[in-house]
């Protein structure tokens, strides 16, 4: 006789995880959530009374090979925050407010203590972004993933007024590019970063270039949310477009919102790159073009603002404690 447990799937572990995470998830619930976790589907009743023509905006993403660093560090409370914040930023730059988030966690062996840390990260970030963690799926897949490894995916839904969608159509020559600092690599470029750094260091090593941080701590720095500064710029009506700098770096993401007939000019000397990027480039002898097309290089969000609104935008951002940097402009092609 062969049981499901002997085949590698522990149903009791899944039930224990559900017991642990229910209180965490409930803390994120907003008034629109109609069901507790555990149902076949998640129900959300949106309040669109303040909208004239509401449009739903959705996005899906993962954390990528940053998870490999979490495995090495045996720290799992940050990657959930990474995933939520990444997804929030992706719809926020379109002008949307997040409504709810769903997750998918697949593991070779389900460990309730590890999974609880991950979900705690989801819950922390959802609360910070005013977003309900409305549901998710956990899968134990022996022989598919290594026993102590897992993968994550997240899905988010938000809402924006149709005439307030930010998609680049308002961008024009003369607009100014204002960058906001990143907290590190965020969730992109980890295959290159790991190849360079982990061939030379362990995750516990503290090279002097990192100012006291270990390699693992620097690589696990949480992908920050830009929702607050984004909303401040939108509410001040001083932004033409917004760019979340993810995979592809600044050039790969600017092209998403710059219309034909225009070009973007970025002054890469306008800000000081964080030490982690300098260390990667120097140790790996990484070409500058590769650096620019792989990493955010210290700028995680770019606001494209009309020149006559630059002062207003800078003041709004500084009032939030941000450190905005003018990094370029939009010109004619």
C-alpha atoms as a PDB file:
ATOM      1  CA  UNK A   1       0.000   0.000   0.000  1.00  0.00           C
ATOM      2  CA  UNK A   2       1.329   3.419  -1.010  1.00  0.00           C
ATOM      3  CA  UNK A   3      -0.096   6.615   0.510  1.00  0.00           C
ATOM      4  CA  UNK A   4      -0.093  10.182  -0.794  1.00  0.00           C
ATOM      5  CA  UNK A   5       2.365  11.116   1.977  1.00  0.00           C
ATOM      6  CA  UNK A   6       4.732   8.344   0.843  1.00  0.00           C
ATOM      7  CA  UNK A   7       4.487   9.776  -2.679  1.00  0.00           C
ATOM      8  CA  UNK A   8       5.777  13.066  -1.290  1.00  0.00           C
ATOM      9  CA  UNK A   9       2.621  15.128  -0.631  1.00  0.00           C
ATOM     10  CA  UNK A  10       1.728  15.946   2.974  1.00  0.00           C
ATOM     11  CA  UNK A  11      -1.928  17.023   3.187  1.00  0.00           C
ATOM     12  CA  UNK A  12      -1.585  17.568   6.929  1.00  0.00           C
ATOM     13  CA  UNK A  13       1.162  20.142   6.284  1.00  0.00           C
ATOM     14  CA  UNK A  14      -1.162  22.029   3.948  1.00  0.00           C
ATOM     15  CA  UNK A  15      -3.899  22.071   6.566  1.00  0.00           C
ATOM     16  CA  UNK A  16      -1.438  23.266   9.208  1.00  0.00           C
ATOM     17  CA  UNK A  17      -0.309  26.076   6.891  1.00  0.00           C
ATOM     18  CA  UNK A  18      -3.900  27.171   6.338  1.00  0.00           C
ATOM     19  CA  UNK A  19      -4.441  27.310  10.087  1.00  0.00           C
ATOM     20  CA  UNK A  20      -1.333  29.458  10.531  1.00  0.00           C
ATOM     21  CA  UNK A  21      -1.974  31.968   7.768  1.00  0.00           C
ATOM     22  CA  UNK A  22      -5.700  32.634   8.236  1.00  0.00           C
ATOM     23  CA  UNK A  23      -5.117  35.349  10.878  1.00  0.00           C
ATOM     24  CA  UNK A  24      -2.441  36.988   8.710  1.00  0.00           C
ATOM     25  CA  UNK A  25      -4.664  37.059   5.648  1.00  0.00           C
ATOM     26  CA  UNK A  26      -7.716  38.341   7.524  1.00  0.00           C
ATOM     27  CA  UNK A  27      -5.717  41.369   8.679  1.00  0.00           C
ATOM     28  CA  UNK A  28      -5.489  42.509   5.045  1.00  0.00           C
ATOM     29  CA  UNK A  29      -9.197  42.275   4.307  1.00  0.00           C
ATOM     30  CA  UNK A  30     -10.841  45.457   3.063  1.00  0.00           C
ATOM     31  CA  UNK A  31     -14.623  46.131   3.028  1.00  0.00           C
ATOM     32  CA  UNK A  32     -14.970  44.593  -0.438  1.00  0.00           C
ATOM     33  CA  UNK A  33     -13.853  41.094   0.636  1.00  0.00           C
ATOM     34  CA  UNK A  34     -16.885  38.797   0.950  1.00  0.00           C
ATOM     35  CA  UNK A  35     -15.362  35.385   1.714  1.00  0.00           C
ATOM     36  CA  UNK A  36     -12.772  33.958   4.065  1.00  0.00           C
ATOM     37  CA  UNK A  37      -9.856  31.990   2.627  1.00  0.00           C
ATOM     38  CA  UNK A  38     -10.547  28.343   1.911  1.00  0.00           C
ATOM     39  CA  UNK A  39     -13.460  28.731  -0.525  1.00  0.00           C
ATOM     40  CA  UNK A  40     -13.185  27.572  -4.121  1.00  0.00           C
ATOM     41  CA  UNK A  41     -13.115  31.170  -5.299  1.00  0.00           C
ATOM     42  CA  UNK A  42     -12.416  34.591  -3.816  1.00  0.00           C
ATOM     43  CA  UNK A  43     -15.253  37.114  -3.834  1.00  0.00           C
ATOM     44  CA  UNK A  44     -14.722  40.865  -3.912  1.00  0.00           C
ATOM     45  CA  UNK A  45     -17.453  43.500  -4.165  1.00  0.00           C
ATOM     46  CA  UNK A  46     -15.854  46.700  -5.469  1.00  0.00           C
ATOM     47  CA  UNK A  47     -17.206  50.123  -4.601  1.00  0.00           C
ATOM     48  CA  UNK A  48     -17.119  52.116  -7.815  1.00  0.00           C
ATOM     49  CA  UNK A  49     -19.482  54.829  -6.594  1.00  0.00           C
ATOM     50  CA  UNK A  50     -16.719  57.435  -6.844  1.00  0.00           C
ATOM     51  CA  UNK A  51     -15.894  56.556 -10.457  1.00  0.00           C
ATOM     52  CA  UNK A  52     -17.561  57.717 -13.664  1.00  0.00           C
ATOM     53  CA  UNK A  53     -16.011  55.067 -15.933  1.00  0.00           C
ATOM     54  CA  UNK A  54     -13.968  52.561 -13.904  1.00  0.00           C
ATOM     55  CA  UNK A  55     -11.478  50.327 -15.697  1.00  0.00           C
ATOM     56  CA  UNK A  56      -9.896  47.264 -14.085  1.00  0.00           C
ATOM     57  CA  UNK A  57      -6.124  46.929 -14.407  1.00  0.00           C
ATOM     58  CA  UNK A  58      -4.365  43.622 -13.734  1.00  0.00           C
ATOM     59  CA  UNK A  59      -0.824  42.279 -13.660  1.00  0.00           C
ATOM     60  CA  UNK A  60       1.000  39.048 -12.869  1.00  0.00           C
ATOM     61  CA  UNK A  61       4.626  38.514 -11.927  1.00  0.00           C
ATOM     62  CA  UNK A  62       7.136  36.431 -10.005  1.00  0.00           C
ATOM     63  CA  UNK A  63      10.241  36.993  -7.891  1.00  0.00           C
ATOM     64  CA  UNK A  64      12.676  35.217 -10.214  1.00  0.00           C
ATOM     65  CA  UNK A  65      16.040  33.891  -9.116  1.00  0.00           C
ATOM     66  CA  UNK A  66      16.146  36.254  -6.149  1.00  0.00           C
ATOM     67  CA  UNK A  67      14.543  33.252  -4.468  1.00  0.00           C
ATOM     68  CA  UNK A  68      17.887  31.455  -4.716  1.00  0.00           C
ATOM     69  CA  UNK A  69      19.338  34.072  -2.373  1.00  0.00           C
ATOM     70  CA  UNK A  70      16.451  33.559   0.066  1.00  0.00           C
ATOM     71  CA  UNK A  71      17.204  29.818   0.072  1.00  0.00           C
ATOM     72  CA  UNK A  72      20.885  30.429   0.812  1.00  0.00           C
ATOM     73  CA  UNK A  73      20.067  32.945   3.552  1.00  0.00           C
ATOM     74  CA  UNK A  74      17.274  30.736   4.929  1.00  0.00           C
ATOM     75  CA  UNK A  75      15.217  33.904   5.139  1.00  0.00           C
ATOM     76  CA  UNK A  76      11.762  33.939   3.638  1.00  0.00           C
ATOM     77  CA  UNK A  77       9.976  36.969   5.121  1.00  0.00           C
ATOM     78  CA  UNK A  78      11.022  39.450   2.404  1.00  0.00           C
ATOM     79  CA  UNK A  79      10.240  37.738  -0.910  1.00  0.00           C
ATOM     80  CA  UNK A  80       6.492  37.985  -0.339  1.00  0.00           C
ATOM     81  CA  UNK A  81       6.855  41.738   0.096  1.00  0.00           C
ATOM     82  CA  UNK A  82       8.913  41.856  -3.103  1.00  0.00           C
ATOM     83  CA  UNK A  83       6.160  40.191  -5.073  1.00  0.00           C
ATOM     84  CA  UNK A  84       3.287  42.324  -3.795  1.00  0.00           C
ATOM     85  CA  UNK A  85       5.191  45.593  -4.200  1.00  0.00           C
ATOM     86  CA  UNK A  86       6.332  44.693  -7.712  1.00  0.00           C
ATOM     87  CA  UNK A  87       2.770  43.962  -8.778  1.00  0.00           C
ATOM     88  CA  UNK A  88       1.433  47.098  -7.064  1.00  0.00           C
ATOM     89  CA  UNK A  89       3.991  49.266  -8.857  1.00  0.00           C
ATOM     90  CA  UNK A  90       3.141  47.753 -12.226  1.00  0.00           C
ATOM     91  CA  UNK A  91      -0.490  48.826 -12.044  1.00  0.00           C
ATOM     92  CA  UNK A  92       0.145  52.034 -10.068  1.00  0.00           C
ATOM     93  CA  UNK A  93       2.232  53.485 -12.913  1.00  0.00           C
ATOM     94  CA  UNK A  94      -0.862  53.025 -15.092  1.00  0.00           C
ATOM     95  CA  UNK A  95      -2.774  55.269 -12.681  1.00  0.00           C
ATOM     96  CA  UNK A  96      -4.548  52.442 -10.839  1.00  0.00           C
ATOM     97  CA  UNK A  97      -5.212  51.879  -7.158  1.00  0.00           C
ATOM     98  CA  UNK A  98      -4.784  48.244  -6.049  1.00  0.00           C
ATOM     99  CA  UNK A  99      -7.884  46.340  -4.941  1.00  0.00           C
ATOM    100  CA  UNK A 100      -6.807  42.770  -4.274  1.00  0.00           C
ATOM    101  CA  UNK A 101      -3.895  40.360  -4.649  1.00  0.00           C
ATOM    102  CA  UNK A 102      -3.687  36.586  -5.087  1.00  0.00           C
ATOM    103  CA  UNK A 103      -0.639  34.367  -4.770  1.00  0.00           C
ATOM    104  CA  UNK A 104       0.634  31.010  -5.984  1.00  0.00           C
ATOM    105  CA  UNK A 105       3.225  29.105  -3.953  1.00  0.00           C
ATOM    106  CA  UNK A 106       4.667  25.847  -5.274  1.00  0.00           C
ATOM    107  CA  UNK A 107       7.229  23.815  -3.321  1.00  0.00           C
ATOM    108  CA  UNK A 108       9.039  20.537  -3.546  1.00  0.00           C
ATOM    109  CA  UNK A 109       8.214  19.938   0.118  1.00  0.00           C
ATOM    110  CA  UNK A 110       5.679  22.094   1.917  1.00  0.00           C
ATOM    111  CA  UNK A 111       7.132  23.423   5.164  1.00  0.00           C
ATOM    112  CA  UNK A 112       4.492  25.352   7.120  1.00  0.00           C
ATOM    113  CA  UNK A 113       7.127  27.429   8.966  1.00  0.00           C
ATOM    114  CA  UNK A 114       8.694  28.640   5.708  1.00  0.00           C
ATOM    115  CA  UNK A 115       5.383  29.167   3.944  1.00  0.00           C
ATOM    116  CA  UNK A 116       4.095  31.145   6.926  1.00  0.00           C
ATOM    117  CA  UNK A 117       7.045  33.538   6.612  1.00  0.00           C
ATOM    118  CA  UNK A 118       6.313  34.015   2.914  1.00  0.00           C
ATOM    119  CA  UNK A 119       2.624  34.704   3.511  1.00  0.00           C
ATOM    120  CA  UNK A 120       3.502  37.069   6.352  1.00  0.00           C
ATOM    121  CA  UNK A 121       5.472  39.053   3.769  1.00  0.00           C
ATOM    122  CA  UNK A 122       2.437  39.108   1.477  1.00  0.00           C
ATOM    123  CA  UNK A 123       0.279  40.345   4.349  1.00  0.00           C
ATOM    124  CA  UNK A 124       2.713  43.074   5.432  1.00  0.00           C
ATOM    125  CA  UNK A 125       2.959  44.504   1.918  1.00  0.00           C
ATOM    126  CA  UNK A 126      -0.776  44.208   1.245  1.00  0.00           C
ATOM    127  CA  UNK A 127      -1.549  46.164   4.396  1.00  0.00           C
ATOM    128  CA  UNK A 128       1.013  48.825   3.512  1.00  0.00           C
ATOM    129  CA  UNK A 129      -0.552  49.206   0.066  1.00  0.00           C
ATOM    130  CA  UNK A 130      -4.192  49.085   1.194  1.00  0.00           C
ATOM    131  CA  UNK A 131      -4.690  45.915  -0.820  1.00  0.00           C
ATOM    132  CA  UNK A 132      -6.593  42.785   0.240  1.00  0.00           C
ATOM    133  CA  UNK A 133      -4.816  39.422   0.147  1.00  0.00           C
ATOM    134  CA  UNK A 134      -7.960  37.756  -1.082  1.00  0.00           C
ATOM    135  CA  UNK A 135      -6.755  34.228  -1.828  1.00  0.00           C
ATOM    136  CA  UNK A 136      -4.074  31.986  -3.207  1.00  0.00           C
ATOM    137  CA  UNK A 137      -2.978  28.487  -4.046  1.00  0.00           C
ATOM    138  CA  UNK A 138      -0.355  26.237  -2.488  1.00  0.00           C
ATOM    139  CA  UNK A 139       1.015  23.250  -4.358  1.00  0.00           C
ATOM    140  CA  UNK A 140       3.389  20.572  -3.084  1.00  0.00           C
ATOM    141  CA  UNK A 141       5.189  19.081  -6.089  1.00  0.00           C
ATOM    142  CA  UNK A 142       7.833  16.482  -5.179  1.00  0.00           C
ATOM    143  CA  UNK A 143      10.274  15.557  -7.951  1.00  0.00           C
ATOM    144  CA  UNK A 144       9.370  18.807  -9.734  1.00  0.00           C
ATOM    145  CA  UNK A 145      11.051  21.249  -7.346  1.00  0.00           C
ATOM    146  CA  UNK A 146      13.995  20.508  -5.072  1.00  0.00           C
ATOM    147  CA  UNK A 147      12.850  19.482  -1.591  1.00  0.00           C
ATOM    148  CA  UNK A 148      13.707  22.787   0.108  1.00  0.00           C
ATOM    149  CA  UNK A 149      12.964  25.152  -2.770  1.00  0.00           C
ATOM    150  CA  UNK A 150       9.809  26.908  -3.926  1.00  0.00           C
ATOM    151  CA  UNK A 151       8.525  29.306  -6.543  1.00  0.00           C
ATOM    152  CA  UNK A 152       6.148  32.243  -6.248  1.00  0.00           C
ATOM    153  CA  UNK A 153       3.767  34.078  -8.532  1.00  0.00           C
ATOM    154  CA  UNK A 154       1.379  36.898  -7.759  1.00  0.00           C
ATOM    155  CA  UNK A 155      -1.648  38.388  -9.455  1.00  0.00           C
ATOM    156  CA  UNK A 156      -3.093  41.829  -8.722  1.00  0.00           C
ATOM    157  CA  UNK A 157      -6.224  43.736  -9.750  1.00  0.00           C
ATOM    158  CA  UNK A 158      -6.735  47.473  -9.419  1.00  0.00           C
ATOM    159  CA  UNK A 159      -9.008  50.194 -10.745  1.00  0.00           C
ATOM    160  CA  UNK A 160      -8.482  53.470 -12.574  1.00  0.00           C
ATOM    161  CA  UNK A 161     -10.814  56.097 -14.044  1.00  0.00           C
ATOM    162  CA  UNK A 162     -10.734  55.604 -17.804  1.00  0.00           C
ATOM    163  CA  UNK A 163      -9.759  59.188 -18.591  1.00  0.00           C
ATOM    164  CA  UNK A 164      -7.034  59.036 -15.914  1.00  0.00           C
ATOM    165  CA  UNK A 165      -5.155  56.088 -17.444  1.00  0.00           C
ATOM    166  CA  UNK A 166      -1.444  56.813 -17.791  1.00  0.00           C
ATOM    167  CA  UNK A 167      -0.154  55.131 -20.916  1.00  0.00           C
ATOM    168  CA  UNK A 168       2.265  57.638 -22.437  1.00  0.00           C
ATOM    169  CA  UNK A 169      -0.113  59.397 -24.792  1.00  0.00           C
ATOM    170  CA  UNK A 170       0.408  62.713 -22.962  1.00  0.00           C
ATOM    171  CA  UNK A 171       4.218  62.590 -23.134  1.00  0.00           C
ATOM    172  CA  UNK A 172       5.721  65.408 -25.206  1.00  0.00           C
ATOM    173  CA  UNK A 173       9.077  66.918 -26.110  1.00  0.00           C
ATOM    174  CA  UNK A 174      10.485  69.011 -23.298  1.00  0.00           C
ATOM    175  CA  UNK A 175       9.103  66.816 -20.511  1.00  0.00           C
ATOM    176  CA  UNK A 176      11.496  66.206 -17.635  1.00  0.00           C
ATOM    177  CA  UNK A 177      12.484  62.815 -16.209  1.00  0.00           C
ATOM    178  CA  UNK A 178      12.478  62.632 -12.406  1.00  0.00           C
ATOM    179  CA  UNK A 179      13.861  59.483 -10.833  1.00  0.00           C
ATOM    180  CA  UNK A 180      13.191  58.020  -7.405  1.00  0.00           C
ATOM    181  CA  UNK A 181      15.803  55.813  -5.719  1.00  0.00           C
ATOM    182  CA  UNK A 182      15.481  52.050  -5.619  1.00  0.00           C
ATOM    183  CA  UNK A 183      16.284  49.990  -2.547  1.00  0.00           C
ATOM    184  CA  UNK A 184      18.677  47.782  -4.477  1.00  0.00           C
ATOM    185  CA  UNK A 185      18.263  45.298  -7.306  1.00  0.00           C
ATOM    186  CA  UNK A 186      14.525  44.990  -6.534  1.00  0.00           C
ATOM    187  CA  UNK A 187      13.575  41.754  -8.359  1.00  0.00           C
ATOM    188  CA  UNK A 188      15.580  41.926 -11.579  1.00  0.00           C
ATOM    189  CA  UNK A 189      19.028  40.931 -12.760  1.00  0.00           C
ATOM    190  CA  UNK A 190      19.661  38.251 -10.161  1.00  0.00           C
ATOM    191  CA  UNK A 191      21.015  35.656 -12.568  1.00  0.00           C
ATOM    192  CA  UNK A 192      23.855  38.020 -13.472  1.00  0.00           C
ATOM    193  CA  UNK A 193      24.283  39.321  -9.919  1.00  0.00           C
ATOM    194  CA  UNK A 194      24.491  35.809  -8.453  1.00  0.00           C
ATOM    195  CA  UNK A 195      26.933  34.626 -11.109  1.00  0.00           C
ATOM    196  CA  UNK A 196      29.296  37.515 -10.364  1.00  0.00           C
ATOM    197  CA  UNK A 197      28.972  37.836  -6.593  1.00  0.00           C
ATOM    198  CA  UNK A 198      28.470  34.260  -5.450  1.00  0.00           C
ATOM    199  CA  UNK A 199      31.476  33.002  -7.388  1.00  0.00           C
ATOM    200  CA  UNK A 200      33.587  35.314  -5.194  1.00  0.00           C
ATOM    201  CA  UNK A 201      31.650  35.588  -1.927  1.00  0.00           C
ATOM    202  CA  UNK A 202      29.293  33.644   0.301  1.00  0.00           C
ATOM    203  CA  UNK A 203      26.008  35.318   1.232  1.00  0.00           C
ATOM    204  CA  UNK A 204      27.435  35.928   4.720  1.00  0.00           C
ATOM    205  CA  UNK A 205      30.553  37.749   3.524  1.00  0.00           C
ATOM    206  CA  UNK A 206      30.744  41.507   4.170  1.00  0.00           C
ATOM    207  CA  UNK A 207      32.924  43.115   1.505  1.00  0.00           C
ATOM    208  CA  UNK A 208      33.975  46.643   2.505  1.00  0.00           C
ATOM    209  CA  UNK A 209      32.277  48.064  -0.595  1.00  0.00           C
ATOM    210  CA  UNK A 210      28.869  47.246   0.930  1.00  0.00           C
ATOM    211  CA  UNK A 211      29.438  49.362   4.032  1.00  0.00           C
ATOM    212  CA  UNK A 212      28.831  46.657   6.605  1.00  0.00           C
ATOM    213  CA  UNK A 213      26.041  44.800   4.825  1.00  0.00           C
ATOM    214  CA  UNK A 214      26.493  41.159   3.955  1.00  0.00           C
ATOM    215  CA  UNK A 215      26.178  40.118   0.325  1.00  0.00           C
ATOM    216  CA  UNK A 216      22.955  38.284   1.153  1.00  0.00           C
ATOM    217  CA  UNK A 217      21.445  41.261   2.968  1.00  0.00           C
ATOM    218  CA  UNK A 218      22.215  43.568   0.058  1.00  0.00           C
ATOM    219  CA  UNK A 219      20.704  41.128  -2.435  1.00  0.00           C
ATOM    220  CA  UNK A 220      17.578  40.547  -0.327  1.00  0.00           C
ATOM    221  CA  UNK A 221      16.769  44.262   0.117  1.00  0.00           C
ATOM    222  CA  UNK A 222      13.001  44.526  -0.352  1.00  0.00           C
ATOM    223  CA  UNK A 223      11.638  45.746  -3.679  1.00  0.00           C
ATOM    224  CA  UNK A 224       9.958  48.933  -2.480  1.00  0.00           C
ATOM    225  CA  UNK A 225       6.455  50.165  -3.246  1.00  0.00           C
ATOM    226  CA  UNK A 226       6.106  53.513  -5.021  1.00  0.00           C
ATOM    227  CA  UNK A 227       2.356  53.776  -4.506  1.00  0.00           C
ATOM    228  CA  UNK A 228       2.450  56.806  -2.176  1.00  0.00           C
ATOM    229  CA  UNK A 229       4.647  59.032  -4.374  1.00  0.00           C
ATOM    230  CA  UNK A 230       2.762  57.916  -7.471  1.00  0.00           C
ATOM    231  CA  UNK A 231      -0.585  58.888  -5.938  1.00  0.00           C
ATOM    232  CA  UNK A 232       0.848  62.229  -4.808  1.00  0.00           C
ATOM    233  CA  UNK A 233       1.940  63.073  -8.350  1.00  0.00           C
ATOM    234  CA  UNK A 234      -1.351  61.964  -9.862  1.00  0.00           C
ATOM    235  CA  UNK A 235      -3.410  63.924  -7.356  1.00  0.00           C
ATOM    236  CA  UNK A 236      -1.323  67.041  -8.082  1.00  0.00           C
ATOM    237  CA  UNK A 237      -1.981  66.501 -11.825  1.00  0.00           C
ATOM    238  CA  UNK A 238       1.695  67.073 -12.578  1.00  0.00           C
ATOM    239  CA  UNK A 239       2.715  63.877 -14.350  1.00  0.00           C
ATOM    240  CA  UNK A 240       2.399  62.763 -17.986  1.00  0.00           C
ATOM    241  CA  UNK A 241       3.584  59.164 -17.520  1.00  0.00           C
ATOM    242  CA  UNK A 242       5.275  56.874 -15.013  1.00  0.00           C
ATOM    243  CA  UNK A 243       7.828  54.118 -15.500  1.00  0.00           C
ATOM    244  CA  UNK A 244       8.474  51.192 -13.172  1.00  0.00           C
ATOM    245  CA  UNK A 245      12.105  50.264 -13.852  1.00  0.00           C
ATOM    246  CA  UNK A 246      12.144  46.460 -13.893  1.00  0.00           C
ATOM    247  CA  UNK A 247      13.656  43.896 -16.276  1.00  0.00           C
ATOM    248  CA  UNK A 248      15.336  45.689 -19.178  1.00  0.00           C
ATOM    249  CA  UNK A 249      16.490  48.556 -16.998  1.00  0.00           C
ATOM    250  CA  UNK A 250      15.713  52.176 -17.796  1.00  0.00           C
ATOM    251  CA  UNK A 251      15.919  51.832 -21.612  1.00  0.00           C
ATOM    252  CA  UNK A 252      13.801  48.681 -21.717  1.00  0.00           C
ATOM    253  CA  UNK A 253      10.996  50.267 -19.723  1.00  0.00           C
ATOM    254  CA  UNK A 254      11.068  53.864 -20.992  1.00  0.00           C
ATOM    255  CA  UNK A 255      10.135  52.608 -24.461  1.00  0.00           C
ATOM    256  CA  UNK A 256       6.783  51.451 -23.063  1.00  0.00           C
ATOM    257  CA  UNK A 257       5.547  55.020 -22.609  1.00  0.00           C
ATOM    258  CA  UNK A 258       7.510  57.177 -25.087  1.00  0.00           C
ATOM    259  CA  UNK A 259       5.440  57.705 -28.260  1.00  0.00           C
ATOM    260  CA  UNK A 260       6.808  57.449 -31.784  1.00  0.00           C
ATOM    261  CA  UNK A 261       8.508  60.641 -32.891  1.00  0.00           C
ATOM    262  CA  UNK A 262      10.015  61.222 -29.456  1.00  0.00           C
ATOM    263  CA  UNK A 263      13.119  59.956 -27.682  1.00  0.00           C
ATOM    264  CA  UNK A 264      14.333  59.884 -24.099  1.00  0.00           C
ATOM    265  CA  UNK A 265      17.674  61.225 -22.949  1.00  0.00           C
ATOM    266  CA  UNK A 266      19.022  59.885 -19.651  1.00  0.00           C
ATOM    267  CA  UNK A 267      22.013  61.326 -17.826  1.00  0.00           C
ATOM    268  CA  UNK A 268      23.461  58.283 -16.069  1.00  0.00           C
ATOM    269  CA  UNK A 269      25.873  60.549 -14.185  1.00  0.00           C
ATOM    270  CA  UNK A 270      23.016  62.450 -12.485  1.00  0.00           C
ATOM    271  CA  UNK A 271      22.966  60.096  -9.517  1.00  0.00           C
ATOM    272  CA  UNK A 272      25.424  57.969  -7.586  1.00  0.00           C
ATOM    273  CA  UNK A 273      24.902  54.268  -8.115  1.00  0.00           C
ATOM    274  CA  UNK A 274      24.466  52.208  -4.945  1.00  0.00           C
ATOM    275  CA  UNK A 275      27.538  50.153  -3.989  1.00  0.00           C
ATOM    276  CA  UNK A 276      25.961  46.810  -4.931  1.00  0.00           C
ATOM    277  CA  UNK A 277      25.842  47.823  -8.607  1.00  0.00           C
ATOM    278  CA  UNK A 278      29.416  49.134  -8.636  1.00  0.00           C
ATOM    279  CA  UNK A 279      30.619  45.909  -7.009  1.00  0.00           C
ATOM    280  CA  UNK A 280      28.853  43.746  -9.603  1.00  0.00           C
ATOM    281  CA  UNK A 281      30.232  45.753 -12.510  1.00  0.00           C
ATOM    282  CA  UNK A 282      33.803  45.852 -11.230  1.00  0.00           C
ATOM    283  CA  UNK A 283      34.069  42.212 -10.113  1.00  0.00           C
ATOM    284  CA  UNK A 284      32.355  40.828 -13.186  1.00  0.00           C
ATOM    285  CA  UNK A 285      33.834  43.311 -15.647  1.00  0.00           C
ATOM    286  CA  UNK A 286      30.256  43.749 -16.850  1.00  0.00           C
ATOM    287  CA  UNK A 287      29.958  46.057 -19.880  1.00  0.00           C
ATOM    288  CA  UNK A 288      28.148  49.321 -19.221  1.00  0.00           C
ATOM    289  CA  UNK A 289      25.469  48.509 -21.799  1.00  0.00           C
ATOM    290  CA  UNK A 290      24.735  45.213 -20.025  1.00  0.00           C
ATOM    291  CA  UNK A 291      24.478  47.032 -16.690  1.00  0.00           C
ATOM    292  CA  UNK A 292      21.988  49.523 -18.113  1.00  0.00           C
ATOM    293  CA  UNK A 293      19.823  46.870 -19.760  1.00  0.00           C
ATOM    294  CA  UNK A 294      19.852  44.472 -16.791  1.00  0.00           C
ATOM    295  CA  UNK A 295      19.596  46.552 -13.604  1.00  0.00           C
ATOM    296  CA  UNK A 296      17.729  49.614 -12.358  1.00  0.00           C
ATOM    297  CA  UNK A 297      21.131  51.030 -11.255  1.00  0.00           C
ATOM    298  CA  UNK A 298      19.555  52.798  -8.306  1.00  0.00           C
ATOM    299  CA  UNK A 299      16.494  54.330  -9.993  1.00  0.00           C
ATOM    300  CA  UNK A 300      13.324  52.301  -9.478  1.00  0.00           C
ATOM    301  CA  UNK A 301      10.674  54.748 -10.694  1.00  0.00           C
ATOM    302  CA  UNK A 302      10.717  57.515 -13.291  1.00  0.00           C
ATOM    303  CA  UNK A 303       8.094  60.248 -13.467  1.00  0.00           C
ATOM    304  CA  UNK A 304       7.774  62.044 -16.783  1.00  0.00           C
ATOM    305  CA  UNK A 305       6.523  65.532 -15.931  1.00  0.00           C
ATOM    306  CA  UNK A 306       5.875  68.686 -17.991  1.00  0.00           C
ATOM    307  CA  UNK A 307       8.718  71.165 -17.591  1.00  0.00           C
ATOM    308  CA  UNK A 308       6.459  73.814 -16.085  1.00  0.00           C
ATOM    309  CA  UNK A 309       5.332  71.351 -13.397  1.00  0.00           C
ATOM    310  CA  UNK A 310       8.805  70.165 -12.407  1.00  0.00           C
ATOM    311  CA  UNK A 311       8.969  72.299  -9.264  1.00  0.00           C
ATOM    312  CA  UNK A 312       5.544  71.156  -8.116  1.00  0.00           C
ATOM    313  CA  UNK A 313       6.470  67.504  -8.683  1.00  0.00           C
ATOM    314  CA  UNK A 314       9.757  67.841  -6.804  1.00  0.00           C
ATOM    315  CA  UNK A 315       8.062  69.584  -3.883  1.00  0.00           C
ATOM    316  CA  UNK A 316       5.332  66.932  -3.648  1.00  0.00           C
ATOM    317  CA  UNK A 317       7.902  64.153  -3.619  1.00  0.00           C
ATOM    318  CA  UNK A 318      10.195  65.839  -1.120  1.00  0.00           C
ATOM    319  CA  UNK A 319       7.223  66.419   1.204  1.00  0.00           C
ATOM    320  CA  UNK A 320       6.887  62.631   1.384  1.00  0.00           C
ATOM    321  CA  UNK A 321      10.527  62.237   2.348  1.00  0.00           C
ATOM    322  CA  UNK A 322      11.561  61.120  -1.121  1.00  0.00           C
ATOM    323  CA  UNK A 323      14.880  62.058  -2.742  1.00  0.00           C
ATOM    324  CA  UNK A 324      13.876  62.878  -6.325  1.00  0.00           C
ATOM    325  CA  UNK A 325      16.590  63.369  -8.926  1.00  0.00           C
ATOM    326  CA  UNK A 326      16.271  65.043 -12.316  1.00  0.00           C
ATOM    327  CA  UNK A 327      17.829  62.474 -14.634  1.00  0.00           C
ATOM    328  CA  UNK A 328      16.926  63.523 -18.183  1.00  0.00           C
ATOM    329  CA  UNK A 329      14.336  64.772 -20.610  1.00  0.00           C
ATOM    330  CA  UNK A 330      12.141  63.884 -23.557  1.00  0.00           C
ATOM    331  CA  UNK A 331      13.278  65.183 -26.942  1.00  0.00           C
ATOM    332  CA  UNK A 332      12.204  65.001 -30.542  1.00  0.00           C
ATOM    333  CA  UNK A 333      13.421  61.931 -32.422  1.00  0.00           C
END
